[in-house]
């Protein structure tokens, strides 16, 4: 009896392990009910997986840190380079600004001297006693510049010259030098020089305007005999020095073409005791 009672236990003990249900094996109907062991997900981390994740994540983190450090290094080098190059760049900028200022100033001076006004020294005594040798005069060139530009477009009008203006011009017979003389006769005027006195006949003065030239030395009498009409585009000029041979002017070489005129004197710079604007004389008939 004892042996029979123990036999089932022995048989069960001798069952092949392959006949036992493995964890997770489904149980079909009709089979003996065997409880499927409940498999609980372990809360413990899979050390192998964690280690594998660590192997994947740590290099990325290290790489990011390396990139950040490299960027900091590059930025530091660039900043250092700027600090080194800044003085050079600053010096070049200063040189460029100075050069640009000089070029602009030179261009302005050239433009002004060519088209607006220019300074001239009086050379000689043909304008004494009004102007002396080495007097320094500023000459207005703007009207002449405008006329020259208009001539390009076919405008051949006369300059608006006032009687008594002091003109700087190139003499027709010697254009390499400059003369300074006073305008006495204008286009359309009949200029008469007799007994040392100029008389102007025109529409405004049909009976003649006898010029009272207060700027000349009364000790001298104007030489010459003149009776001629100033043609369009010309002007009759005479020096203030009326001493014999004191001025070589229109009395000797004729009327001055306006194309030869540089401009009219409007300001005296030297001598300092005579500095100031130059006014045109007002002629009264005697």
C-alpha atoms as a PDB file:
ATOM      1  CA  UNK A   1       0.000   0.000   0.000  1.00  0.00           C
ATOM      2  CA  UNK A   2       2.691   2.340   0.824  1.00  0.00           C
ATOM      3  CA  UNK A   3       4.371   1.699  -2.483  1.00  0.00           C
ATOM      4  CA  UNK A   4       1.238   2.331  -4.526  1.00  0.00           C
ATOM      5  CA  UNK A   5       0.498   5.522  -2.726  1.00  0.00           C
ATOM      6  CA  UNK A   6       3.934   6.866  -3.422  1.00  0.00           C
ATOM      7  CA  UNK A   7       4.006   5.850  -7.081  1.00  0.00           C
ATOM      8  CA  UNK A   8       2.023   8.742  -8.480  1.00  0.00           C
ATOM      9  CA  UNK A   9       4.296  11.143  -6.749  1.00  0.00           C
ATOM     10  CA  UNK A  10       7.262   9.334  -8.187  1.00  0.00           C
ATOM     11  CA  UNK A  11       5.811   9.374 -11.689  1.00  0.00           C
ATOM     12  CA  UNK A  12       5.079  13.079 -11.448  1.00  0.00           C
ATOM     13  CA  UNK A  13       8.559  13.620 -10.305  1.00  0.00           C
ATOM     14  CA  UNK A  14       9.877  11.753 -13.311  1.00  0.00           C
ATOM     15  CA  UNK A  15       7.988  13.756 -15.947  1.00  0.00           C
ATOM     16  CA  UNK A  16      10.193  15.073 -18.668  1.00  0.00           C
ATOM     17  CA  UNK A  17      10.821  18.752 -18.420  1.00  0.00           C
ATOM     18  CA  UNK A  18       9.806  19.106 -22.088  1.00  0.00           C
ATOM     19  CA  UNK A  19       6.290  18.095 -21.132  1.00  0.00           C
ATOM     20  CA  UNK A  20       5.964  20.875 -18.636  1.00  0.00           C
ATOM     21  CA  UNK A  21       4.396  24.114 -19.770  1.00  0.00           C
ATOM     22  CA  UNK A  22       6.886  26.778 -20.187  1.00  0.00           C
ATOM     23  CA  UNK A  23       6.141  30.257 -18.953  1.00  0.00           C
ATOM     24  CA  UNK A  24       4.040  32.135 -21.507  1.00  0.00           C
ATOM     25  CA  UNK A  25       2.781  28.928 -23.297  1.00  0.00           C
ATOM     26  CA  UNK A  26      -0.919  29.146 -24.206  1.00  0.00           C
ATOM     27  CA  UNK A  27      -3.282  26.510 -22.890  1.00  0.00           C
ATOM     28  CA  UNK A  28      -5.668  25.029 -25.427  1.00  0.00           C
ATOM     29  CA  UNK A  29      -9.140  23.896 -24.391  1.00  0.00           C
ATOM     30  CA  UNK A  30      -9.208  20.292 -23.483  1.00  0.00           C
ATOM     31  CA  UNK A  31      -5.842  20.335 -22.001  1.00  0.00           C
ATOM     32  CA  UNK A  32      -5.343  20.062 -18.384  1.00  0.00           C
ATOM     33  CA  UNK A  33      -5.723  23.453 -16.717  1.00  0.00           C
ATOM     34  CA  UNK A  34      -2.409  24.640 -15.599  1.00  0.00           C
ATOM     35  CA  UNK A  35      -2.171  28.178 -14.289  1.00  0.00           C
ATOM     36  CA  UNK A  36       0.036  30.321 -16.344  1.00  0.00           C
ATOM     37  CA  UNK A  37       2.554  31.722 -14.078  1.00  0.00           C
ATOM     38  CA  UNK A  38       2.137  35.483 -13.821  1.00  0.00           C
ATOM     39  CA  UNK A  39       5.148  37.266 -15.066  1.00  0.00           C
ATOM     40  CA  UNK A  40       5.576  40.641 -13.418  1.00  0.00           C
ATOM     41  CA  UNK A  41       7.606  43.229 -15.169  1.00  0.00           C
ATOM     42  CA  UNK A  42      10.593  43.735 -13.104  1.00  0.00           C
ATOM     43  CA  UNK A  43      10.968  47.265 -11.764  1.00  0.00           C
ATOM     44  CA  UNK A  44      14.658  46.781 -11.647  1.00  0.00           C
ATOM     45  CA  UNK A  45      16.404  48.293 -14.575  1.00  0.00           C
ATOM     46  CA  UNK A  46      17.992  46.055 -17.095  1.00  0.00           C
ATOM     47  CA  UNK A  47      21.584  46.717 -16.322  1.00  0.00           C
ATOM     48  CA  UNK A  48      22.709  45.506 -19.709  1.00  0.00           C
ATOM     49  CA  UNK A  49      20.258  47.774 -21.524  1.00  0.00           C
ATOM     50  CA  UNK A  50      21.071  50.653 -19.261  1.00  0.00           C
ATOM     51  CA  UNK A  51      24.707  50.106 -19.884  1.00  0.00           C
ATOM     52  CA  UNK A  52      24.077  49.967 -23.625  1.00  0.00           C
ATOM     53  CA  UNK A  53      22.061  53.191 -23.458  1.00  0.00           C
ATOM     54  CA  UNK A  54      24.824  54.713 -21.475  1.00  0.00           C
ATOM     55  CA  UNK A  55      27.287  53.733 -24.151  1.00  0.00           C
ATOM     56  CA  UNK A  56      25.105  55.462 -26.741  1.00  0.00           C
ATOM     57  CA  UNK A  57      24.187  58.598 -24.771  1.00  0.00           C
ATOM     58  CA  UNK A  58      27.413  59.502 -23.063  1.00  0.00           C
ATOM     59  CA  UNK A  59      29.416  59.956 -26.281  1.00  0.00           C
ATOM     60  CA  UNK A  60      26.697  62.301 -27.621  1.00  0.00           C
ATOM     61  CA  UNK A  61      26.779  64.348 -24.462  1.00  0.00           C
ATOM     62  CA  UNK A  62      30.547  64.462 -24.555  1.00  0.00           C
ATOM     63  CA  UNK A  63      30.427  65.460 -28.226  1.00  0.00           C
ATOM     64  CA  UNK A  64      28.029  68.304 -27.489  1.00  0.00           C
ATOM     65  CA  UNK A  65      30.299  69.510 -24.745  1.00  0.00           C
ATOM     66  CA  UNK A  66      33.251  69.317 -27.125  1.00  0.00           C
ATOM     67  CA  UNK A  67      31.354  71.301 -29.775  1.00  0.00           C
ATOM     68  CA  UNK A  68      30.452  73.957 -27.217  1.00  0.00           C
ATOM     69  CA  UNK A  69      34.040  74.175 -26.060  1.00  0.00           C
ATOM     70  CA  UNK A  70      35.277  74.328 -29.662  1.00  0.00           C
ATOM     71  CA  UNK A  71      32.837  77.122 -30.482  1.00  0.00           C
ATOM     72  CA  UNK A  72      34.019  79.012 -27.422  1.00  0.00           C
ATOM     73  CA  UNK A  73      37.608  78.521 -28.555  1.00  0.00           C
ATOM     74  CA  UNK A  74      36.840  79.725 -32.081  1.00  0.00           C
ATOM     75  CA  UNK A  75      34.960  82.744 -30.741  1.00  0.00           C
ATOM     76  CA  UNK A  76      37.865  83.569 -28.445  1.00  0.00           C
ATOM     77  CA  UNK A  77      40.317  83.330 -31.343  1.00  0.00           C
ATOM     78  CA  UNK A  78      38.148  85.551 -33.539  1.00  0.00           C
ATOM     79  CA  UNK A  79      37.847  88.116 -30.772  1.00  0.00           C
ATOM     80  CA  UNK A  80      41.596  88.038 -30.250  1.00  0.00           C
ATOM     81  CA  UNK A  81      42.073  88.479 -34.000  1.00  0.00           C
ATOM     82  CA  UNK A  82      39.784  91.499 -33.977  1.00  0.00           C
ATOM     83  CA  UNK A  83      41.723  93.023 -31.116  1.00  0.00           C
ATOM     84  CA  UNK A  84      44.957  92.503 -33.037  1.00  0.00           C
ATOM     85  CA  UNK A  85      43.604  93.806 -36.364  1.00  0.00           C
ATOM     86  CA  UNK A  86      41.579  96.666 -34.922  1.00  0.00           C
ATOM     87  CA  UNK A  87      44.459  99.120 -34.677  1.00  0.00           C
ATOM     88  CA  UNK A  88      45.440  98.383 -38.272  1.00  0.00           C
ATOM     89  CA  UNK A  89      41.872  98.710 -39.515  1.00  0.00           C
ATOM     90  CA  UNK A  90      41.400 101.864 -37.475  1.00  0.00           C
ATOM     91  CA  UNK A  91      44.569 103.405 -38.895  1.00  0.00           C
ATOM     92  CA  UNK A  92      43.523 102.567 -42.452  1.00  0.00           C
ATOM     93  CA  UNK A  93      40.103 104.083 -41.792  1.00  0.00           C
ATOM     94  CA  UNK A  94      41.668 107.282 -40.475  1.00  0.00           C
ATOM     95  CA  UNK A  95      44.035 107.455 -43.468  1.00  0.00           C
ATOM     96  CA  UNK A  96      41.113 106.897 -45.849  1.00  0.00           C
ATOM     97  CA  UNK A  97      38.994 109.572 -44.178  1.00  0.00           C
ATOM     98  CA  UNK A  98      41.869 112.073 -44.273  1.00  0.00           C
ATOM     99  CA  UNK A  99      42.629 111.240 -47.913  1.00  0.00           C
ATOM    100  CA  UNK A 100      38.953 111.538 -48.831  1.00  0.00           C
ATOM    101  CA  UNK A 101      38.719 114.905 -47.100  1.00  0.00           C
ATOM    102  CA  UNK A 102      41.832 116.151 -48.905  1.00  0.00           C
ATOM    103  CA  UNK A 103      40.525 114.948 -52.276  1.00  0.00           C
ATOM    104  CA  UNK A 104      37.129 116.565 -51.733  1.00  0.00           C
ATOM    105  CA  UNK A 105      38.766 119.807 -50.584  1.00  0.00           C
ATOM    106  CA  UNK A 106      41.090 119.780 -53.605  1.00  0.00           C
ATOM    107  CA  UNK A 107      38.150 119.185 -55.954  1.00  0.00           C
ATOM    108  CA  UNK A 108      36.216 122.051 -54.356  1.00  0.00           C
ATOM    109  CA  UNK A 109      39.224 124.393 -54.635  1.00  0.00           C
ATOM    110  CA  UNK A 110      39.785 123.465 -58.286  1.00  0.00           C
ATOM    111  CA  UNK A 111      36.101 123.979 -59.067  1.00  0.00           C
ATOM    112  CA  UNK A 112      36.012 127.354 -57.307  1.00  0.00           C
ATOM    113  CA  UNK A 113      39.237 128.578 -58.944  1.00  0.00           C
ATOM    114  CA  UNK A 114      38.059 127.462 -62.359  1.00  0.00           C
ATOM    115  CA  UNK A 115      34.457 128.647 -62.341  1.00  0.00           C
ATOM    116  CA  UNK A 116      33.721 130.935 -59.370  1.00  0.00           C
ATOM    117  CA  UNK A 117      36.584 133.168 -58.244  1.00  0.00           C
ATOM    118  CA  UNK A 118      40.356 133.273 -58.148  1.00  0.00           C
ATOM    119  CA  UNK A 119      43.060 135.479 -56.654  1.00  0.00           C
ATOM    120  CA  UNK A 120      45.486 137.472 -58.827  1.00  0.00           C
ATOM    121  CA  UNK A 121      48.454 139.681 -58.053  1.00  0.00           C
ATOM    122  CA  UNK A 122      48.707 143.063 -59.711  1.00  0.00           C
ATOM    123  CA  UNK A 123      51.992 143.232 -61.582  1.00  0.00           C
ATOM    124  CA  UNK A 124      53.250 146.622 -62.681  1.00  0.00           C
ATOM    125  CA  UNK A 125      51.995 150.181 -62.370  1.00  0.00           C
ATOM    126  CA  UNK A 126      49.367 150.501 -65.111  1.00  0.00           C
ATOM    127  CA  UNK A 127      46.578 150.815 -62.519  1.00  0.00           C
ATOM    128  CA  UNK A 128      48.193 153.315 -60.173  1.00  0.00           C
ATOM    129  CA  UNK A 129      47.203 155.189 -58.127  1.00  0.00           C
ATOM    130  CA  UNK A 130      44.184 152.899 -57.530  1.00  0.00           C
ATOM    131  CA  UNK A 131      46.092 149.612 -57.384  1.00  0.00           C
ATOM    132  CA  UNK A 132      49.766 149.160 -56.711  1.00  0.00           C
ATOM    133  CA  UNK A 133      52.251 146.511 -57.732  1.00  0.00           C
ATOM    134  CA  UNK A 134      51.742 143.314 -55.644  1.00  0.00           C
ATOM    135  CA  UNK A 135      48.192 144.146 -54.621  1.00  0.00           C
ATOM    136  CA  UNK A 136      46.230 140.909 -54.228  1.00  0.00           C
ATOM    137  CA  UNK A 137      42.748 140.883 -55.782  1.00  0.00           C
ATOM    138  CA  UNK A 138      39.923 138.346 -55.773  1.00  0.00           C
ATOM    139  CA  UNK A 139      38.333 138.045 -59.200  1.00  0.00           C
ATOM    140  CA  UNK A 140      34.731 137.018 -59.849  1.00  0.00           C
ATOM    141  CA  UNK A 141      34.791 134.434 -62.658  1.00  0.00           C
ATOM    142  CA  UNK A 142      31.212 133.189 -62.394  1.00  0.00           C
ATOM    143  CA  UNK A 143      29.566 135.421 -65.074  1.00  0.00           C
ATOM    144  CA  UNK A 144      32.291 134.544 -67.548  1.00  0.00           C
ATOM    145  CA  UNK A 145      31.947 130.831 -66.740  1.00  0.00           C
ATOM    146  CA  UNK A 146      28.182 130.983 -67.296  1.00  0.00           C
ATOM    147  CA  UNK A 147      28.670 132.810 -70.603  1.00  0.00           C
ATOM    148  CA  UNK A 148      31.216 130.250 -71.769  1.00  0.00           C
ATOM    149  CA  UNK A 149      28.800 127.428 -70.942  1.00  0.00           C
ATOM    150  CA  UNK A 150      25.918 129.167 -72.740  1.00  0.00           C
ATOM    151  CA  UNK A 151      28.121 129.652 -75.797  1.00  0.00           C
ATOM    152  CA  UNK A 152      28.317 125.872 -76.113  1.00  0.00           C
ATOM    153  CA  UNK A 153      24.555 125.902 -76.709  1.00  0.00           C
ATOM    154  CA  UNK A 154      24.757 128.741 -79.240  1.00  0.00           C
ATOM    155  CA  UNK A 155      24.143 131.714 -76.951  1.00  0.00           C
ATOM    156  CA  UNK A 156      26.535 134.505 -77.956  1.00  0.00           C
ATOM    157  CA  UNK A 157      25.227 137.296 -75.752  1.00  0.00           C
ATOM    158  CA  UNK A 158      27.433 139.957 -74.197  1.00  0.00           C
ATOM    159  CA  UNK A 159      28.655 139.883 -70.631  1.00  0.00           C
ATOM    160  CA  UNK A 160      26.801 142.120 -68.209  1.00  0.00           C
ATOM    161  CA  UNK A 161      29.745 144.434 -67.597  1.00  0.00           C
ATOM    162  CA  UNK A 162      29.293 147.624 -65.609  1.00  0.00           C
ATOM    163  CA  UNK A 163      31.085 150.754 -66.711  1.00  0.00           C
ATOM    164  CA  UNK A 164      34.110 151.297 -64.492  1.00  0.00           C
ATOM    165  CA  UNK A 165      34.584 147.636 -63.561  1.00  0.00           C
ATOM    166  CA  UNK A 166      38.173 146.472 -63.151  1.00  0.00           C
ATOM    167  CA  UNK A 167      38.686 143.511 -65.480  1.00  0.00           C
ATOM    168  CA  UNK A 168      41.341 140.800 -65.548  1.00  0.00           C
ATOM    169  CA  UNK A 169      41.861 139.404 -69.043  1.00  0.00           C
ATOM    170  CA  UNK A 170      44.305 137.938 -71.519  1.00  0.00           C
ATOM    171  CA  UNK A 171      45.381 140.573 -74.056  1.00  0.00           C
ATOM    172  CA  UNK A 172      44.636 139.587 -77.662  1.00  0.00           C
ATOM    173  CA  UNK A 173      48.239 139.998 -78.754  1.00  0.00           C
ATOM    174  CA  UNK A 174      49.734 138.034 -75.833  1.00  0.00           C
ATOM    175  CA  UNK A 175      47.305 135.483 -74.344  1.00  0.00           C
ATOM    176  CA  UNK A 176      50.014 133.957 -72.154  1.00  0.00           C
ATOM    177  CA  UNK A 177      49.833 136.819 -69.635  1.00  0.00           C
ATOM    178  CA  UNK A 178      47.102 138.670 -67.737  1.00  0.00           C
ATOM    179  CA  UNK A 179      46.239 142.356 -67.825  1.00  0.00           C
ATOM    180  CA  UNK A 180      44.196 144.379 -65.369  1.00  0.00           C
ATOM    181  CA  UNK A 181      42.332 147.420 -66.802  1.00  0.00           C
ATOM    182  CA  UNK A 182      39.141 149.404 -66.292  1.00  0.00           C
ATOM    183  CA  UNK A 183      36.124 149.083 -68.603  1.00  0.00           C
ATOM    184  CA  UNK A 184      35.325 152.505 -70.103  1.00  0.00           C
ATOM    185  CA  UNK A 185      33.284 151.720 -73.225  1.00  0.00           C
ATOM    186  CA  UNK A 186      30.595 149.008 -73.458  1.00  0.00           C
ATOM    187  CA  UNK A 187      28.977 147.394 -76.531  1.00  0.00           C
ATOM    188  CA  UNK A 188      27.022 150.036 -78.478  1.00  0.00           C
ATOM    189  CA  UNK A 189      28.854 152.967 -76.889  1.00  0.00           C
ATOM    190  CA  UNK A 190      30.527 155.627 -78.968  1.00  0.00           C
ATOM    191  CA  UNK A 191      33.763 156.382 -77.155  1.00  0.00           C
ATOM    192  CA  UNK A 192      35.339 159.775 -77.729  1.00  0.00           C
ATOM    193  CA  UNK A 193      38.656 160.801 -76.176  1.00  0.00           C
ATOM    194  CA  UNK A 194      39.468 164.458 -76.680  1.00  0.00           C
ATOM    195  CA  UNK A 195      41.558 166.909 -74.692  1.00  0.00           C
ATOM    196  CA  UNK A 196      42.343 164.220 -72.146  1.00  0.00           C
ATOM    197  CA  UNK A 197      38.666 163.500 -71.333  1.00  0.00           C
ATOM    198  CA  UNK A 198      36.495 160.485 -72.226  1.00  0.00           C
ATOM    199  CA  UNK A 199      32.926 161.156 -73.372  1.00  0.00           C
ATOM    200  CA  UNK A 200      30.417 158.317 -73.896  1.00  0.00           C
ATOM    201  CA  UNK A 201      27.517 158.568 -76.353  1.00  0.00           C
ATOM    202  CA  UNK A 202      24.701 155.989 -76.272  1.00  0.00           C
ATOM    203  CA  UNK A 203      20.908 155.697 -76.059  1.00  0.00           C
ATOM    204  CA  UNK A 204      20.901 156.742 -72.418  1.00  0.00           C
ATOM    205  CA  UNK A 205      23.257 159.635 -73.095  1.00  0.00           C
ATOM    206  CA  UNK A 206      22.594 160.949 -76.601  1.00  0.00           C
ATOM    207  CA  UNK A 207      24.256 164.238 -75.708  1.00  0.00           C
ATOM    208  CA  UNK A 208      27.248 162.497 -74.238  1.00  0.00           C
ATOM    209  CA  UNK A 209      28.362 161.472 -70.757  1.00  0.00           C
ATOM    210  CA  UNK A 210      31.601 163.230 -69.896  1.00  0.00           C
ATOM    211  CA  UNK A 211      33.406 160.897 -67.497  1.00  0.00           C
ATOM    212  CA  UNK A 212      34.605 162.404 -64.252  1.00  0.00           C
ATOM    213  CA  UNK A 213      37.372 159.930 -63.424  1.00  0.00           C
ATOM    214  CA  UNK A 214      38.179 160.686 -59.813  1.00  0.00           C
ATOM    215  CA  UNK A 215      40.439 157.624 -59.530  1.00  0.00           C
ATOM    216  CA  UNK A 216      43.158 159.000 -61.834  1.00  0.00           C
ATOM    217  CA  UNK A 217      45.991 161.300 -60.874  1.00  0.00           C
ATOM    218  CA  UNK A 218      44.908 164.819 -61.955  1.00  0.00           C
ATOM    219  CA  UNK A 219      48.537 165.703 -62.532  1.00  0.00           C
ATOM    220  CA  UNK A 220      48.429 163.720 -65.754  1.00  0.00           C
ATOM    221  CA  UNK A 221      46.366 164.264 -68.869  1.00  0.00           C
ATOM    222  CA  UNK A 222      45.030 161.217 -70.702  1.00  0.00           C
ATOM    223  CA  UNK A 223      46.887 160.866 -73.953  1.00  0.00           C
ATOM    224  CA  UNK A 224      45.337 160.035 -77.302  1.00  0.00           C
ATOM    225  CA  UNK A 225      42.520 160.933 -79.654  1.00  0.00           C
ATOM    226  CA  UNK A 226      39.716 158.347 -79.942  1.00  0.00           C
ATOM    227  CA  UNK A 227      36.329 158.310 -81.680  1.00  0.00           C
ATOM    228  CA  UNK A 228      34.916 154.842 -82.245  1.00  0.00           C
ATOM    229  CA  UNK A 229      31.877 152.654 -81.541  1.00  0.00           C
ATOM    230  CA  UNK A 230      32.326 149.558 -79.388  1.00  0.00           C
ATOM    231  CA  UNK A 231      31.054 146.571 -81.345  1.00  0.00           C
ATOM    232  CA  UNK A 232      28.984 143.735 -79.814  1.00  0.00           C
ATOM    233  CA  UNK A 233      31.125 141.194 -77.985  1.00  0.00           C
ATOM    234  CA  UNK A 234      33.847 143.769 -77.249  1.00  0.00           C
ATOM    235  CA  UNK A 235      34.725 146.300 -74.560  1.00  0.00           C
ATOM    236  CA  UNK A 236      37.015 149.341 -74.455  1.00  0.00           C
ATOM    237  CA  UNK A 237      39.494 149.192 -71.537  1.00  0.00           C
ATOM    238  CA  UNK A 238      41.979 151.727 -70.159  1.00  0.00           C
ATOM    239  CA  UNK A 239      44.478 151.684 -67.286  1.00  0.00           C
ATOM    240  CA  UNK A 240      44.178 154.195 -64.425  1.00  0.00           C
ATOM    241  CA  UNK A 241      47.762 155.360 -64.884  1.00  0.00           C
ATOM    242  CA  UNK A 242      47.397 158.235 -67.378  1.00  0.00           C
ATOM    243  CA  UNK A 243      51.011 159.280 -67.297  1.00  0.00           C
ATOM    244  CA  UNK A 244      52.706 159.124 -70.705  1.00  0.00           C
ATOM    245  CA  UNK A 245      53.329 155.454 -71.432  1.00  0.00           C
ATOM    246  CA  UNK A 246      51.769 154.553 -68.085  1.00  0.00           C
ATOM    247  CA  UNK A 247      49.289 152.010 -69.512  1.00  0.00           C
ATOM    248  CA  UNK A 248      49.212 149.872 -72.615  1.00  0.00           C
ATOM    249  CA  UNK A 249      45.486 149.467 -73.344  1.00  0.00           C
ATOM    250  CA  UNK A 250      42.682 149.833 -75.919  1.00  0.00           C
ATOM    251  CA  UNK A 251      44.034 153.220 -76.977  1.00  0.00           C
ATOM    252  CA  UNK A 252      46.972 151.291 -78.474  1.00  0.00           C
ATOM    253  CA  UNK A 253      45.735 147.840 -79.434  1.00  0.00           C
ATOM    254  CA  UNK A 254      42.001 148.342 -79.862  1.00  0.00           C
ATOM    255  CA  UNK A 255      38.875 146.873 -78.351  1.00  0.00           C
ATOM    256  CA  UNK A 256      39.029 143.840 -76.077  1.00  0.00           C
ATOM    257  CA  UNK A 257      37.049 140.740 -77.151  1.00  0.00           C
ATOM    258  CA  UNK A 258      34.919 139.594 -74.230  1.00  0.00           C
ATOM    259  CA  UNK A 259      36.086 136.030 -74.836  1.00  0.00           C
ATOM    260  CA  UNK A 260      39.438 137.091 -73.384  1.00  0.00           C
ATOM    261  CA  UNK A 261      37.962 138.293 -70.094  1.00  0.00           C
ATOM    262  CA  UNK A 262      38.661 136.174 -66.995  1.00  0.00           C
ATOM    263  CA  UNK A 263      36.507 138.139 -64.568  1.00  0.00           C
ATOM    264  CA  UNK A 264      36.103 141.345 -62.589  1.00  0.00           C
ATOM    265  CA  UNK A 265      37.927 142.261 -59.375  1.00  0.00           C
ATOM    266  CA  UNK A 266      35.541 142.463 -56.412  1.00  0.00           C
ATOM    267  CA  UNK A 267      37.737 142.210 -53.295  1.00  0.00           C
ATOM    268  CA  UNK A 268      41.215 143.377 -52.318  1.00  0.00           C
ATOM    269  CA  UNK A 269      43.101 141.088 -49.912  1.00  0.00           C
ATOM    270  CA  UNK A 270      46.504 142.803 -49.861  1.00  0.00           C
ATOM    271  CA  UNK A 271      47.641 145.252 -48.607  1.00  0.00           C
ATOM    272  CA  UNK A 272      45.884 144.712 -45.300  1.00  0.00           C
ATOM    273  CA  UNK A 273      45.343 148.438 -44.765  1.00  0.00           C
ATOM    274  CA  UNK A 274      43.277 148.493 -47.966  1.00  0.00           C
ATOM    275  CA  UNK A 275      41.462 145.186 -47.535  1.00  0.00           C
ATOM    276  CA  UNK A 276      37.801 145.241 -48.519  1.00  0.00           C
ATOM    277  CA  UNK A 277      35.252 145.032 -51.309  1.00  0.00           C
ATOM    278  CA  UNK A 278      35.836 146.948 -54.521  1.00  0.00           C
ATOM    279  CA  UNK A 279      33.016 149.237 -55.625  1.00  0.00           C
ATOM    280  CA  UNK A 280      32.453 150.450 -59.168  1.00  0.00           C
ATOM    281  CA  UNK A 281      32.788 154.222 -59.679  1.00  0.00           C
ATOM    282  CA  UNK A 282      29.734 156.369 -60.290  1.00  0.00           C
ATOM    283  CA  UNK A 283      30.333 158.703 -63.198  1.00  0.00           C
ATOM    284  CA  UNK A 284      28.821 162.165 -63.192  1.00  0.00           C
ATOM    285  CA  UNK A 285      28.840 164.370 -66.219  1.00  0.00           C
ATOM    286  CA  UNK A 286      30.850 167.563 -65.827  1.00  0.00           C
END
